[in-house]
Amino acid sequence: MQTRPSTDLPTVATEYNGVDRNAFLFGSTPQAELWNGRFAMIGFLAYLLWDLAGYSVLRDVLHFIGY
């Protein structure tokens, strides 16, 4: 197995369509999936912090329906 020196690596990380993986592209592209995942992680963390602060939407709904 032959290894390449680190200076031979590409300057931009590319995905299958040959575009920068961090480019903000619309449509069904690998970049869109990466951004969707990032926004989902941010939303999950925001909800977790909101819940830890005592404002739980899920707990309020369950209390409202009688659980």
N, C-alpha and C. Protein backbone atom coordinates (compact mmCIF):
# COMPACT_ATOMS: atom_id res chain seq x y z
N MET A 1 0.83 -1.17 0.00
CA MET A 1 0.00 0.00 0.00
C MET A 1 0.88 1.24 0.00
N GLN A 2 0.60 2.15 -0.92
CA GLN A 2 1.39 3.35 -1.05
C GLN A 2 0.63 4.53 -0.47
N THR A 3 1.31 5.36 0.29
CA THR A 3 0.67 6.54 0.87
C THR A 3 1.17 7.79 0.17
N ARG A 4 0.31 8.80 0.14
CA ARG A 4 0.68 10.06 -0.49
C ARG A 4 1.12 11.06 0.57
N PRO A 5 2.05 11.92 0.26
CA PRO A 5 2.37 12.98 1.21
C PRO A 5 1.19 13.93 1.35
N SER A 6 1.08 14.57 2.48
CA SER A 6 -0.09 15.43 2.74
C SER A 6 -0.15 16.63 1.78
N THR A 7 0.93 16.97 1.13
CA THR A 7 0.89 18.11 0.19
C THR A 7 0.18 17.76 -1.11
N ASP A 8 -0.07 16.48 -1.37
CA ASP A 8 -0.76 16.06 -2.60
C ASP A 8 -2.28 16.04 -2.44
N LEU A 9 -2.78 16.36 -1.25
CA LEU A 9 -4.21 16.32 -1.02
C LEU A 9 -4.90 17.48 -1.73
N PRO A 10 -6.16 17.33 -2.14
CA PRO A 10 -6.87 18.43 -2.79
C PRO A 10 -7.09 19.58 -1.81
N THR A 11 -7.16 20.79 -2.34
CA THR A 11 -7.34 21.97 -1.47
C THR A 11 -8.78 22.12 -1.01
N VAL A 12 -9.74 21.56 -1.76
CA VAL A 12 -11.15 21.65 -1.41
C VAL A 12 -11.70 20.25 -1.28
N ALA A 13 -12.40 19.98 -0.17
CA ALA A 13 -13.03 18.67 -0.01
C ALA A 13 -14.24 18.61 -0.94
N THR A 14 -14.23 17.67 -1.86
CA THR A 14 -15.31 17.59 -2.83
C THR A 14 -16.15 16.35 -2.60
N GLU A 15 -17.39 16.41 -3.03
CA GLU A 15 -18.30 15.29 -2.95
C GLU A 15 -18.44 14.71 -4.34
N TYR A 16 -19.37 13.81 -4.54
CA TYR A 16 -19.49 13.09 -5.80
C TYR A 16 -19.73 14.00 -7.00
N ASN A 17 -20.38 15.14 -6.80
CA ASN A 17 -20.64 16.01 -7.94
C ASN A 17 -19.49 16.99 -8.21
N GLY A 18 -18.38 16.84 -7.51
CA GLY A 18 -17.19 17.64 -7.79
C GLY A 18 -17.27 19.08 -7.31
N VAL A 19 -18.19 19.38 -6.40
CA VAL A 19 -18.34 20.73 -5.87
C VAL A 19 -17.97 20.68 -4.40
N ASP A 20 -17.54 21.81 -3.86
CA ASP A 20 -17.19 21.91 -2.45
C ASP A 20 -18.33 21.36 -1.59
N ARG A 21 -18.00 20.47 -0.65
CA ARG A 21 -19.04 19.85 0.19
C ARG A 21 -19.73 20.86 1.09
N ASN A 22 -19.12 21.99 1.37
CA ASN A 22 -19.72 22.99 2.23
C ASN A 22 -20.46 24.07 1.46
N ALA A 23 -20.53 23.96 0.16
CA ALA A 23 -21.25 24.95 -0.63
C ALA A 23 -22.74 24.87 -0.30
N PHE A 24 -23.38 26.03 -0.21
CA PHE A 24 -24.81 26.08 0.13
C PHE A 24 -25.60 26.01 -1.16
N LEU A 25 -25.93 24.78 -1.59
CA LEU A 25 -26.64 24.56 -2.84
C LEU A 25 -28.06 24.09 -2.55
N PHE A 26 -29.00 24.52 -3.38
CA PHE A 26 -30.38 24.09 -3.23
C PHE A 26 -30.63 22.88 -4.13
N GLY A 27 -31.64 22.11 -3.80
CA GLY A 27 -31.99 20.95 -4.60
C GLY A 27 -31.53 19.67 -3.93
N SER A 28 -31.67 18.59 -4.62
CA SER A 28 -31.30 17.28 -4.09
C SER A 28 -29.83 17.01 -4.40
N THR A 29 -28.96 17.56 -3.58
CA THR A 29 -27.52 17.41 -3.77
C THR A 29 -26.89 16.88 -2.48
N PRO A 30 -25.71 16.31 -2.55
CA PRO A 30 -25.03 15.89 -1.32
C PRO A 30 -24.83 17.05 -0.35
N GLN A 31 -24.60 18.25 -0.89
CA GLN A 31 -24.41 19.41 -0.03
C GLN A 31 -25.68 19.72 0.75
N ALA A 32 -26.84 19.59 0.10
CA ALA A 32 -28.10 19.86 0.78
C ALA A 32 -28.31 18.89 1.93
N GLU A 33 -27.93 17.64 1.74
CA GLU A 33 -28.07 16.66 2.82
C GLU A 33 -27.16 16.99 3.99
N LEU A 34 -25.96 17.45 3.71
CA LEU A 34 -25.07 17.86 4.80
C LEU A 34 -25.65 19.02 5.58
N TRP A 35 -26.18 20.03 4.87
CA TRP A 35 -26.77 21.20 5.54
C TRP A 35 -28.03 20.80 6.31
N ASN A 36 -28.85 19.90 5.76
CA ASN A 36 -30.04 19.44 6.49
C ASN A 36 -29.63 18.77 7.80
N GLY A 37 -28.61 17.97 7.76
CA GLY A 37 -28.14 17.31 8.97
C GLY A 37 -27.60 18.30 9.99
N ARG A 38 -26.89 19.30 9.52
CA ARG A 38 -26.36 20.32 10.44
C ARG A 38 -27.49 21.10 11.10
N PHE A 39 -28.48 21.50 10.31
CA PHE A 39 -29.60 22.25 10.88
C PHE A 39 -30.41 21.38 11.83
N ALA A 40 -30.54 20.09 11.53
CA ALA A 40 -31.25 19.18 12.43
C ALA A 40 -30.52 19.06 13.76
N MET A 41 -29.20 18.97 13.72
CA MET A 41 -28.42 18.89 14.96
C MET A 41 -28.57 20.15 15.78
N ILE A 42 -28.56 21.31 15.12
CA ILE A 42 -28.73 22.58 15.82
C ILE A 42 -30.12 22.64 16.45
N GLY A 43 -31.15 22.21 15.72
CA GLY A 43 -32.51 22.21 16.24
C GLY A 43 -32.67 21.27 17.41
N PHE A 44 -32.07 20.09 17.33
CA PHE A 44 -32.15 19.14 18.43
C PHE A 44 -31.47 19.69 19.67
N LEU A 45 -30.32 20.29 19.51
CA LEU A 45 -29.61 20.87 20.65
C LEU A 45 -30.40 22.04 21.24
N ALA A 46 -31.00 22.87 20.39
CA ALA A 46 -31.80 24.00 20.88
C ALA A 46 -32.99 23.49 21.69
N TYR A 47 -33.68 22.44 21.19
CA TYR A 47 -34.81 21.90 21.93
C TYR A 47 -34.35 21.28 23.24
N LEU A 48 -33.22 20.59 23.24
CA LEU A 48 -32.71 19.99 24.46
C LEU A 48 -32.41 21.06 25.50
N LEU A 49 -31.77 22.14 25.10
CA LEU A 49 -31.48 23.23 26.03
C LEU A 49 -32.77 23.89 26.52
N TRP A 50 -33.74 24.05 25.62
CA TRP A 50 -35.03 24.63 25.98
C TRP A 50 -35.73 23.73 27.02
N ASP A 51 -35.65 22.41 26.82
CA ASP A 51 -36.27 21.46 27.74
C ASP A 51 -35.56 21.49 29.10
N LEU A 52 -34.24 21.56 29.09
CA LEU A 52 -33.49 21.61 30.35
C LEU A 52 -33.77 22.90 31.12
N ALA A 53 -34.16 23.95 30.41
CA ALA A 53 -34.48 25.22 31.07
C ALA A 53 -35.87 25.17 31.71
N GLY A 54 -36.64 24.10 31.45
CA GLY A 54 -37.94 23.95 32.08
C GLY A 54 -39.11 24.21 31.17
N TYR A 55 -38.88 24.53 29.92
CA TYR A 55 -39.96 24.80 28.97
C TYR A 55 -40.09 23.62 28.02
N SER A 56 -40.89 22.63 28.39
CA SER A 56 -40.99 21.43 27.58
C SER A 56 -42.32 21.38 26.85
N VAL A 57 -42.28 21.44 25.54
CA VAL A 57 -43.49 21.33 24.73
C VAL A 57 -44.08 19.93 24.89
N LEU A 58 -43.25 18.91 24.83
CA LEU A 58 -43.72 17.53 24.94
C LEU A 58 -44.37 17.29 26.30
N ARG A 59 -43.77 17.75 27.37
CA ARG A 59 -44.33 17.57 28.71
C ARG A 59 -45.66 18.30 28.83
N ASP A 60 -45.77 19.49 28.27
CA ASP A 60 -47.03 20.23 28.33
C ASP A 60 -48.13 19.53 27.55
N VAL A 61 -47.81 18.96 26.39
CA VAL A 61 -48.80 18.25 25.59
C VAL A 61 -49.27 17.00 26.33
N LEU A 62 -48.34 16.25 26.89
CA LEU A 62 -48.71 15.06 27.63
C LEU A 62 -49.57 15.40 28.85
N HIS A 63 -49.26 16.47 29.52
CA HIS A 63 -50.04 16.91 30.68
C HIS A 63 -51.44 17.34 30.23
N PHE A 64 -51.53 17.98 29.09
CA PHE A 64 -52.80 18.46 28.57
C PHE A 64 -53.74 17.32 28.22
N ILE A 65 -53.19 16.21 27.65
CA ILE A 65 -54.05 15.09 27.26
C ILE A 65 -54.27 14.10 28.39
N GLY A 66 -53.67 14.35 29.55
CA GLY A 66 -53.98 13.55 30.73
C GLY A 66 -52.98 12.49 31.11
N TYR A 67 -51.79 12.50 30.57
CA TYR A 67 -50.77 11.52 30.97
C TYR A 67 -49.93 12.05 32.09
